[in-house]
Amino acid sequence: MVRRIIEIDQEKCNGCGACAAACHEGAIGMVDGKARLLRDDYCDGLGDCLPTCPTGAITFVEREAAAYDEAAVLARKAAALKDTAPRQVPPSGGCPGSMAQALRPAAPSPDAAASQDGAVSHLAQWPVQIKLVPAEAPYFSGAKLLIAADCTAYARADFHRRFMRGRITLIGCPKLDEGDYAEKLTEILRRNDIREVTIVRMDVPCCGGMQRAAETALRQSGKFIPWQVVTLGRDGNILD
């Protein structure tokens, strides 16, 4: 059948892997440091991957292709959940900016007293965007997880000390990002030994999407994980 399907320009692809992370069906994979459409019948033609590509390498085309097979996609996902072996960090052929790594919190600099309050970074891993972070990584083992809306760190001056310290941080914006975070968050909770979850959102309607995705992931994970929601006002005050 002739239908709409994605096409990836290998010359334009920089190997960042953002499209593979955004594809909920698993139709895109990284092969020799480049993104490739693995199976036509995994691609639903909706294009969640398009806005994530920084180089414009992905476009829609109309061509002869197998029909989208939802049953095959679900079967692949079920098989993936049974695979509990730790995953390796992507090879160096990928985008260096999306390579998973643990970070050591910074120590106060000698001139910290001259800064605003001697604040230091408490970011414990990279990357931090929900769509870019791997579903499995060593830093998730026994971790306390912070799931935060992008704007929260700008609303509250002590965000690092108050919320990020001692936690693995994941951020996103449900209004600006395409798709739902629930599936990715569910994978992270299922595949790793997460001790607790803190959700920090703003007191605006669009942030409800972040909270709903996290709550859905907690339910779907099949685990009992202590969790809490913290809501910030636009002045940075904690409302509940």
C-alpha atoms as a PDB file:
ATOM      1  CA  MET A   1       0.000   0.000   0.000  1.00  0.00           C
ATOM      2  CA  VAL A   2       1.057   3.620  -0.568  1.00  0.00           C
ATOM      3  CA  ARG A   3       0.984   5.659   2.614  1.00  0.00           C
ATOM      4  CA  ARG A   4       2.694   8.480   4.481  1.00  0.00           C
ATOM      5  CA  ILE A   5       5.864   7.441   6.249  1.00  0.00           C
ATOM      6  CA  ILE A   6       9.024   9.106   7.509  1.00  0.00           C
ATOM      7  CA  GLU A   7      12.293   9.297   5.606  1.00  0.00           C
ATOM      8  CA  ILE A   8      15.669  10.053   7.227  1.00  0.00           C
ATOM      9  CA  ASP A   9      18.351  11.874   5.244  1.00  0.00           C
ATOM     10  CA  GLN A  10      21.578  10.155   6.273  1.00  0.00           C
ATOM     11  CA  GLU A  11      23.665  13.113   5.095  1.00  0.00           C
ATOM     12  CA  LYS A  12      21.837  15.518   7.400  1.00  0.00           C
ATOM     13  CA  CYS A  13      21.578  13.153  10.402  1.00  0.00           C
ATOM     14  CA  ASN A  14      24.100  14.061  13.121  1.00  0.00           C
ATOM     15  CA  GLY A  15      23.444  10.948  15.200  1.00  0.00           C
ATOM     16  CA  CYS A  16      22.041  12.757  18.238  1.00  0.00           C
ATOM     17  CA  GLY A  17      19.383  10.071  18.834  1.00  0.00           C
ATOM     18  CA  ALA A  18      16.621  12.522  19.769  1.00  0.00           C
ATOM     19  CA  CYS A  19      14.272  11.087  17.145  1.00  0.00           C
ATOM     20  CA  ALA A  20      14.783   7.521  18.384  1.00  0.00           C
ATOM     21  CA  ALA A  21      13.953   8.635  21.925  1.00  0.00           C
ATOM     22  CA  ALA A  22      10.814  10.439  20.719  1.00  0.00           C
ATOM     23  CA  CYS A  23       9.511   7.497  18.671  1.00  0.00           C
ATOM     24  CA  HIS A  24       7.078   5.664  20.949  1.00  0.00           C
ATOM     25  CA  GLU A  25       6.727   2.782  18.479  1.00  0.00           C
ATOM     26  CA  GLY A  26      10.434   1.944  18.270  1.00  0.00           C
ATOM     27  CA  ALA A  27      10.454   2.429  14.498  1.00  0.00           C
ATOM     28  CA  ILE A  28      13.715   4.425  14.642  1.00  0.00           C
ATOM     29  CA  GLY A  29      17.001   3.015  15.869  1.00  0.00           C
ATOM     30  CA  MET A  30      20.627   4.083  15.912  1.00  0.00           C
ATOM     31  CA  VAL A  31      22.771   2.130  13.443  1.00  0.00           C
ATOM     32  CA  ASP A  32      26.463   2.947  13.065  1.00  0.00           C
ATOM     33  CA  GLY A  33      25.900   6.306  14.729  1.00  0.00           C
ATOM     34  CA  LYS A  34      23.003   7.315  12.456  1.00  0.00           C
ATOM     35  CA  ALA A  35      19.224   7.238  12.903  1.00  0.00           C
ATOM     36  CA  ARG A  36      17.467   4.724  10.665  1.00  0.00           C
ATOM     37  CA  LEU A  37      13.882   3.590  10.092  1.00  0.00           C
ATOM     38  CA  LEU A  38      14.104  -0.010  11.280  1.00  0.00           C
ATOM     39  CA  ARG A  39      10.723  -1.316  10.116  1.00  0.00           C
ATOM     40  CA  ASP A  40       8.011   0.270   8.006  1.00  0.00           C
ATOM     41  CA  ASP A  41       5.231  -1.459   9.936  1.00  0.00           C
ATOM     42  CA  TYR A  42       6.415   0.137  13.210  1.00  0.00           C
ATOM     43  CA  CYS A  43       5.971   3.675  11.834  1.00  0.00           C
ATOM     44  CA  ASP A  44       2.474   5.092  12.391  1.00  0.00           C
ATOM     45  CA  GLY A  45       3.147   8.148  10.221  1.00  0.00           C
ATOM     46  CA  LEU A  46       2.231  10.644  12.971  1.00  0.00           C
ATOM     47  CA  GLY A  47       5.701  12.164  13.072  1.00  0.00           C
ATOM     48  CA  ASP A  48       6.470  12.652  16.786  1.00  0.00           C
ATOM     49  CA  CYS A  49      10.114  12.409  15.746  1.00  0.00           C
ATOM     50  CA  LEU A  50      10.073  15.347  13.297  1.00  0.00           C
ATOM     51  CA  PRO A  51      10.151  18.281  15.748  1.00  0.00           C
ATOM     52  CA  THR A  52      12.951  16.703  17.786  1.00  0.00           C
ATOM     53  CA  CYS A  53      15.435  16.567  14.892  1.00  0.00           C
ATOM     54  CA  PRO A  54      17.859  19.511  15.148  1.00  0.00           C
ATOM     55  CA  THR A  55      19.097  19.201  11.561  1.00  0.00           C
ATOM     56  CA  GLY A  56      15.841  18.710   9.644  1.00  0.00           C
ATOM     57  CA  ALA A  57      16.915  15.245   8.512  1.00  0.00           C
ATOM     58  CA  ILE A  58      13.431  13.727   8.880  1.00  0.00           C
ATOM     59  CA  THR A  59      10.604  14.381   6.424  1.00  0.00           C
ATOM     60  CA  PHE A  60       7.355  12.725   5.368  1.00  0.00           C
ATOM     61  CA  VAL A  61       7.144  10.898   2.037  1.00  0.00           C
ATOM     62  CA  GLU A  62       4.389   8.999   0.266  1.00  0.00           C
ATOM     63  CA  ARG A  63       5.648   5.586  -0.831  1.00  0.00           C
ATOM     64  CA  GLU A  64       4.878   1.894  -0.958  1.00  0.00           C
ATOM     65  CA  ALA A  65       5.163   0.613   2.616  1.00  0.00           C
ATOM     66  CA  ALA A  66       3.740  -2.068   4.863  1.00  0.00           C
ATOM     67  CA  ALA A  67       0.733  -0.956   6.888  1.00  0.00           C
ATOM     68  CA  TYR A  68       1.282   0.159  10.481  1.00  0.00           C
ATOM     69  CA  ASP A  69       1.060  -2.953  12.671  1.00  0.00           C
ATOM     70  CA  GLU A  70       0.025  -1.982  16.204  1.00  0.00           C
ATOM     71  CA  ALA A  71       0.086  -5.609  17.360  1.00  0.00           C
ATOM     72  CA  ALA A  72       3.724  -5.957  16.272  1.00  0.00           C
ATOM     73  CA  VAL A  73       4.630  -2.750  18.101  1.00  0.00           C
ATOM     74  CA  LEU A  74       2.946  -3.931  21.312  1.00  0.00           C
ATOM     75  CA  ALA A  75       4.677  -7.299  21.038  1.00  0.00           C
ATOM     76  CA  ARG A  76       8.056  -5.580  20.669  1.00  0.00           C
ATOM     77  CA  LYS A  77       7.380  -3.422  23.728  1.00  0.00           C
ATOM     78  CA  ALA A  78       6.354  -6.456  25.785  1.00  0.00           C
ATOM     79  CA  ALA A  79       9.527  -8.271  24.781  1.00  0.00           C
ATOM     80  CA  ALA A  80      11.619  -5.229  25.671  1.00  0.00           C
ATOM     81  CA  LEU A  81      10.139  -5.125  29.171  1.00  0.00           C
ATOM     82  CA  LYS A  82      11.332  -8.681  29.802  1.00  0.00           C
ATOM     83  CA  ASP A  83      14.888  -7.702  28.999  1.00  0.00           C
ATOM     84  CA  THR A  84      16.260  -6.520  32.305  1.00  0.00           C
ATOM     85  CA  ALA A  85      19.944  -6.595  31.357  1.00  0.00           C
ATOM     86  CA  PRO A  86      21.651  -3.219  31.847  1.00  0.00           C
ATOM     87  CA  ARG A  87      21.939  -1.221  28.670  1.00  0.00           C
ATOM     88  CA  GLN A  88      25.207   0.250  27.531  1.00  0.00           C
ATOM     89  CA  VAL A  89      25.722   3.922  26.866  1.00  0.00           C
ATOM     90  CA  PRO A  90      25.317   4.681  23.122  1.00  0.00           C
ATOM     91  CA  PRO A  91      28.555   4.471  21.107  1.00  0.00           C
ATOM     92  CA  SER A  92      30.667   7.545  20.585  1.00  0.00           C
ATOM     93  CA  GLY A  93      29.264   7.941  17.081  1.00  0.00           C
ATOM     94  CA  GLY A  94      26.180   9.601  18.620  1.00  0.00           C
ATOM     95  CA  CYS A  95      25.770  13.215  19.626  1.00  0.00           C
ATOM     96  CA  PRO A  96      28.182  13.968  22.512  1.00  0.00           C
ATOM     97  CA  GLY A  97      25.601  16.253  24.072  1.00  0.00           C
ATOM     98  CA  SER A  98      23.150  13.379  24.621  1.00  0.00           C
ATOM     99  CA  MET A  99      25.615  10.825  26.010  1.00  0.00           C
ATOM    100  CA  ALA A 100      24.550   9.573  29.442  1.00  0.00           C
ATOM    101  CA  GLN A 101      26.934  10.331  32.264  1.00  0.00           C
ATOM    102  CA  ALA A 102      26.911  10.750  36.015  1.00  0.00           C
ATOM    103  CA  LEU A 103      28.101  14.084  37.373  1.00  0.00           C
ATOM    104  CA  ARG A 104      29.778  14.897  40.645  1.00  0.00           C
ATOM    105  CA  PRO A 105      28.060  17.845  42.392  1.00  0.00           C
ATOM    106  CA  ALA A 106      30.314  20.874  42.376  1.00  0.00           C
ATOM    107  CA  ALA A 107      32.114  22.041  45.498  1.00  0.00           C
ATOM    108  CA  PRO A 108      31.867  25.712  46.490  1.00  0.00           C
ATOM    109  CA  SER A 109      34.515  27.785  44.729  1.00  0.00           C
ATOM    110  CA  PRO A 110      37.029  29.834  46.759  1.00  0.00           C
ATOM    111  CA  ASP A 111      35.158  33.015  45.902  1.00  0.00           C
ATOM    112  CA  ALA A 112      31.728  31.522  46.719  1.00  0.00           C
ATOM    113  CA  ALA A 113      31.220  34.026  49.515  1.00  0.00           C
ATOM    114  CA  ALA A 114      31.309  36.780  46.929  1.00  0.00           C
ATOM    115  CA  SER A 115      28.480  35.197  44.942  1.00  0.00           C
ATOM    116  CA  GLN A 116      24.804  35.603  45.706  1.00  0.00           C
ATOM    117  CA  ASP A 117      24.682  32.909  48.393  1.00  0.00           C
ATOM    118  CA  GLY A 118      27.566  30.552  47.709  1.00  0.00           C
ATOM    119  CA  ALA A 119      25.218  28.335  45.693  1.00  0.00           C
ATOM    120  CA  VAL A 120      26.605  25.330  43.817  1.00  0.00           C
ATOM    121  CA  SER A 121      25.144  23.027  41.185  1.00  0.00           C
ATOM    122  CA  HIS A 122      23.442  19.864  42.385  1.00  0.00           C
ATOM    123  CA  LEU A 123      22.912  18.406  38.922  1.00  0.00           C
ATOM    124  CA  ALA A 124      23.880  14.747  39.280  1.00  0.00           C
ATOM    125  CA  GLN A 125      23.586  13.418  35.704  1.00  0.00           C
ATOM    126  CA  TRP A 126      23.369  14.289  32.010  1.00  0.00           C
ATOM    127  CA  PRO A 127      21.198  14.548  29.959  1.00  0.00           C
ATOM    128  CA  VAL A 128      18.252  15.941  31.922  1.00  0.00           C
ATOM    129  CA  GLN A 129      15.512  16.244  29.285  1.00  0.00           C
ATOM    130  CA  ILE A 130      12.955  13.447  29.670  1.00  0.00           C
ATOM    131  CA  LYS A 131      13.009  12.744  25.932  1.00  0.00           C
ATOM    132  CA  LEU A 132      16.804  12.421  25.832  1.00  0.00           C
ATOM    133  CA  VAL A 133      17.591  10.570  29.054  1.00  0.00           C
ATOM    134  CA  PRO A 134      18.104   6.792  28.594  1.00  0.00           C
ATOM    135  CA  ALA A 135      15.524   4.424  30.084  1.00  0.00           C
ATOM    136  CA  GLU A 136      18.320   2.710  32.007  1.00  0.00           C
ATOM    137  CA  ALA A 137      21.512   4.173  33.439  1.00  0.00           C
ATOM    138  CA  PRO A 138      23.726   3.363  36.429  1.00  0.00           C
ATOM    139  CA  TYR A 139      22.801   6.623  38.147  1.00  0.00           C
ATOM    140  CA  PHE A 140      19.152   5.469  38.410  1.00  0.00           C
ATOM    141  CA  SER A 141      20.113   2.626  40.780  1.00  0.00           C
ATOM    142  CA  GLY A 142      18.609   3.391  44.195  1.00  0.00           C
ATOM    143  CA  ALA A 143      17.907   6.964  43.077  1.00  0.00           C
ATOM    144  CA  LYS A 144      15.487   9.540  44.342  1.00  0.00           C
ATOM    145  CA  LEU A 145      13.863  10.952  41.206  1.00  0.00           C
ATOM    146  CA  LEU A 146      12.894  14.579  40.577  1.00  0.00           C
ATOM    147  CA  ILE A 147      10.467  15.138  37.697  1.00  0.00           C
ATOM    148  CA  ALA A 148      10.217  18.893  37.152  1.00  0.00           C
ATOM    149  CA  ALA A 149       8.548  21.246  34.708  1.00  0.00           C
ATOM    150  CA  ASP A 150      11.082  23.448  32.897  1.00  0.00           C
ATOM    151  CA  CYS A 151       9.854  26.712  34.391  1.00  0.00           C
ATOM    152  CA  THR A 152      10.129  25.649  38.019  1.00  0.00           C
ATOM    153  CA  ALA A 153      13.899  26.174  38.217  1.00  0.00           C
ATOM    154  CA  TYR A 154      13.466  29.765  37.031  1.00  0.00           C
ATOM    155  CA  ALA A 155      10.675  30.515  39.464  1.00  0.00           C
ATOM    156  CA  ARG A 156      12.552  29.533  42.629  1.00  0.00           C
ATOM    157  CA  ALA A 157      16.060  30.804  43.423  1.00  0.00           C
ATOM    158  CA  ASP A 158      17.073  27.883  45.658  1.00  0.00           C
ATOM    159  CA  PHE A 159      15.808  25.183  43.282  1.00  0.00           C
ATOM    160  CA  HIS A 160      19.111  23.278  43.200  1.00  0.00           C
ATOM    161  CA  ARG A 161      19.462  23.157  46.973  1.00  0.00           C
ATOM    162  CA  ARG A 162      15.775  22.673  47.756  1.00  0.00           C
ATOM    163  CA  PHE A 163      14.810  20.098  45.122  1.00  0.00           C
ATOM    164  CA  MET A 164      17.774  18.781  43.108  1.00  0.00           C
ATOM    165  CA  ARG A 165      20.194  17.982  45.904  1.00  0.00           C
ATOM    166  CA  GLY A 166      20.493  14.209  46.300  1.00  0.00           C
ATOM    167  CA  ARG A 167      18.150  13.522  43.379  1.00  0.00           C
ATOM    168  CA  ILE A 168      18.348  12.551  39.727  1.00  0.00           C
ATOM    169  CA  THR A 169      16.651  15.344  37.789  1.00  0.00           C
ATOM    170  CA  LEU A 170      14.368  14.955  34.754  1.00  0.00           C
ATOM    171  CA  ILE A 171      12.793  18.016  33.136  1.00  0.00           C
ATOM    172  CA  GLY A 172      10.292  18.720  30.388  1.00  0.00           C
ATOM    173  CA  CYS A 173       7.456  20.956  29.225  1.00  0.00           C
ATOM    174  CA  PRO A 174       4.209  19.159  28.340  1.00  0.00           C
ATOM    175  CA  LYS A 175       2.972  22.213  26.424  1.00  0.00           C
ATOM    176  CA  LEU A 176       6.002  22.621  24.151  1.00  0.00           C
ATOM    177  CA  ASP A 177       7.141  19.003  23.728  1.00  0.00           C
ATOM    178  CA  GLU A 178       5.330  16.685  21.333  1.00  0.00           C
ATOM    179  CA  GLY A 179       3.775  13.517  22.743  1.00  0.00           C
ATOM    180  CA  ASP A 180       3.201  12.242  26.256  1.00  0.00           C
ATOM    181  CA  TYR A 181       5.940  11.605  28.829  1.00  0.00           C
ATOM    182  CA  ALA A 182       4.042   8.773  30.523  1.00  0.00           C
ATOM    183  CA  GLU A 183       5.489   5.942  28.437  1.00  0.00           C
ATOM    184  CA  LYS A 184       9.123   7.045  28.878  1.00  0.00           C
ATOM    185  CA  LEU A 185       8.676   7.640  32.596  1.00  0.00           C
ATOM    186  CA  THR A 186       7.012   4.237  32.988  1.00  0.00           C
ATOM    187  CA  GLU A 187      10.026   2.577  31.363  1.00  0.00           C
ATOM    188  CA  ILE A 188      12.395   4.391  33.708  1.00  0.00           C
ATOM    189  CA  LEU A 189      10.410   3.358  36.791  1.00  0.00           C
ATOM    190  CA  ARG A 190      10.043  -0.251  35.640  1.00  0.00           C
ATOM    191  CA  ARG A 191      13.648  -0.789  34.638  1.00  0.00           C
ATOM    192  CA  ASN A 192      15.352   0.841  37.602  1.00  0.00           C
ATOM    193  CA  ASP A 193      15.344   0.719  41.389  1.00  0.00           C
ATOM    194  CA  ILE A 194      13.800   4.132  42.041  1.00  0.00           C
ATOM    195  CA  ARG A 195      13.352   4.837  45.765  1.00  0.00           C
ATOM    196  CA  GLU A 196      11.009   7.817  45.604  1.00  0.00           C
ATOM    197  CA  VAL A 197       9.604  10.386  43.175  1.00  0.00           C
ATOM    198  CA  THR A 198       9.124  14.123  43.643  1.00  0.00           C
ATOM    199  CA  ILE A 199       7.098  15.997  41.022  1.00  0.00           C
ATOM    200  CA  VAL A 200       7.550  19.777  40.893  1.00  0.00           C
ATOM    201  CA  ARG A 201       5.183  21.796  38.724  1.00  0.00           C
ATOM    202  CA  MET A 202       3.985  25.362  38.300  1.00  0.00           C
ATOM    203  CA  ASP A 203       0.513  26.556  39.252  1.00  0.00           C
ATOM    204  CA  VAL A 204      -0.573  26.810  35.602  1.00  0.00           C
ATOM    205  CA  PRO A 205      -2.913  24.487  33.654  1.00  0.00           C
ATOM    206  CA  CYS A 206      -0.333  23.205  31.163  1.00  0.00           C
ATOM    207  CA  CYS A 207       1.784  21.797  34.002  1.00  0.00           C
ATOM    208  CA  GLY A 208      -1.062  19.423  34.741  1.00  0.00           C
ATOM    209  CA  GLY A 209       0.221  17.345  31.838  1.00  0.00           C
ATOM    210  CA  MET A 210       3.513  16.790  33.636  1.00  0.00           C
ATOM    211  CA  GLN A 211       1.781  15.686  36.831  1.00  0.00           C
ATOM    212  CA  ARG A 212      -0.650  13.386  34.988  1.00  0.00           C
ATOM    213  CA  ALA A 213       2.179  11.739  33.032  1.00  0.00           C
ATOM    214  CA  ALA A 214       4.164  11.082  36.204  1.00  0.00           C
ATOM    215  CA  GLU A 215       1.134   9.733  38.076  1.00  0.00           C
ATOM    216  CA  THR A 216       0.259   7.488  35.121  1.00  0.00           C
ATOM    217  CA  ALA A 217       3.830   6.178  35.043  1.00  0.00           C
ATOM    218  CA  LEU A 218       3.733   5.426  38.750  1.00  0.00           C
ATOM    219  CA  ARG A 219       0.540   3.396  38.289  1.00  0.00           C
ATOM    220  CA  GLN A 220       1.741   1.570  35.196  1.00  0.00           C
ATOM    221  CA  SER A 221       5.146   0.728  36.666  1.00  0.00           C
ATOM    222  CA  GLY A 222       3.578  -1.940  38.859  1.00  0.00           C
ATOM    223  CA  LYS A 223       5.725  -0.812  41.789  1.00  0.00           C
ATOM    224  CA  PHE A 224       4.915   0.880  45.082  1.00  0.00           C
ATOM    225  CA  ILE A 225       7.100   3.994  45.043  1.00  0.00           C
ATOM    226  CA  PRO A 226       6.590   6.838  47.548  1.00  0.00           C
ATOM    227  CA  TRP A 227       5.847  10.087  45.717  1.00  0.00           C
ATOM    228  CA  GLN A 228       4.803  13.685  46.269  1.00  0.00           C
ATOM    229  CA  VAL A 229       3.738  16.690  44.207  1.00  0.00           C
ATOM    230  CA  VAL A 230       5.030  20.189  44.924  1.00  0.00           C
ATOM    231  CA  THR A 231       3.303  23.131  43.219  1.00  0.00           C
ATOM    232  CA  LEU A 232       5.069  26.479  42.830  1.00  0.00           C
ATOM    233  CA  GLY A 233       3.438  29.828  42.310  1.00  0.00           C
ATOM    234  CA  ARG A 234       4.843  32.203  39.730  1.00  0.00           C
ATOM    235  CA  ASP A 235       6.539  34.050  42.579  1.00  0.00           C
ATOM    236  CA  GLY A 236       8.383  30.875  43.546  1.00  0.00           C
ATOM    237  CA  ASN A 237       6.430  30.206  46.732  1.00  0.00           C
ATOM    238  CA  ILE A 238       5.397  26.622  47.479  1.00  0.00           C
ATOM    239  CA  LEU A 239       1.604  26.448  47.317  1.00  0.00           C
ATOM    240  CA  ASP A 240       1.087  22.854  48.443  1.00  0.00           C
END
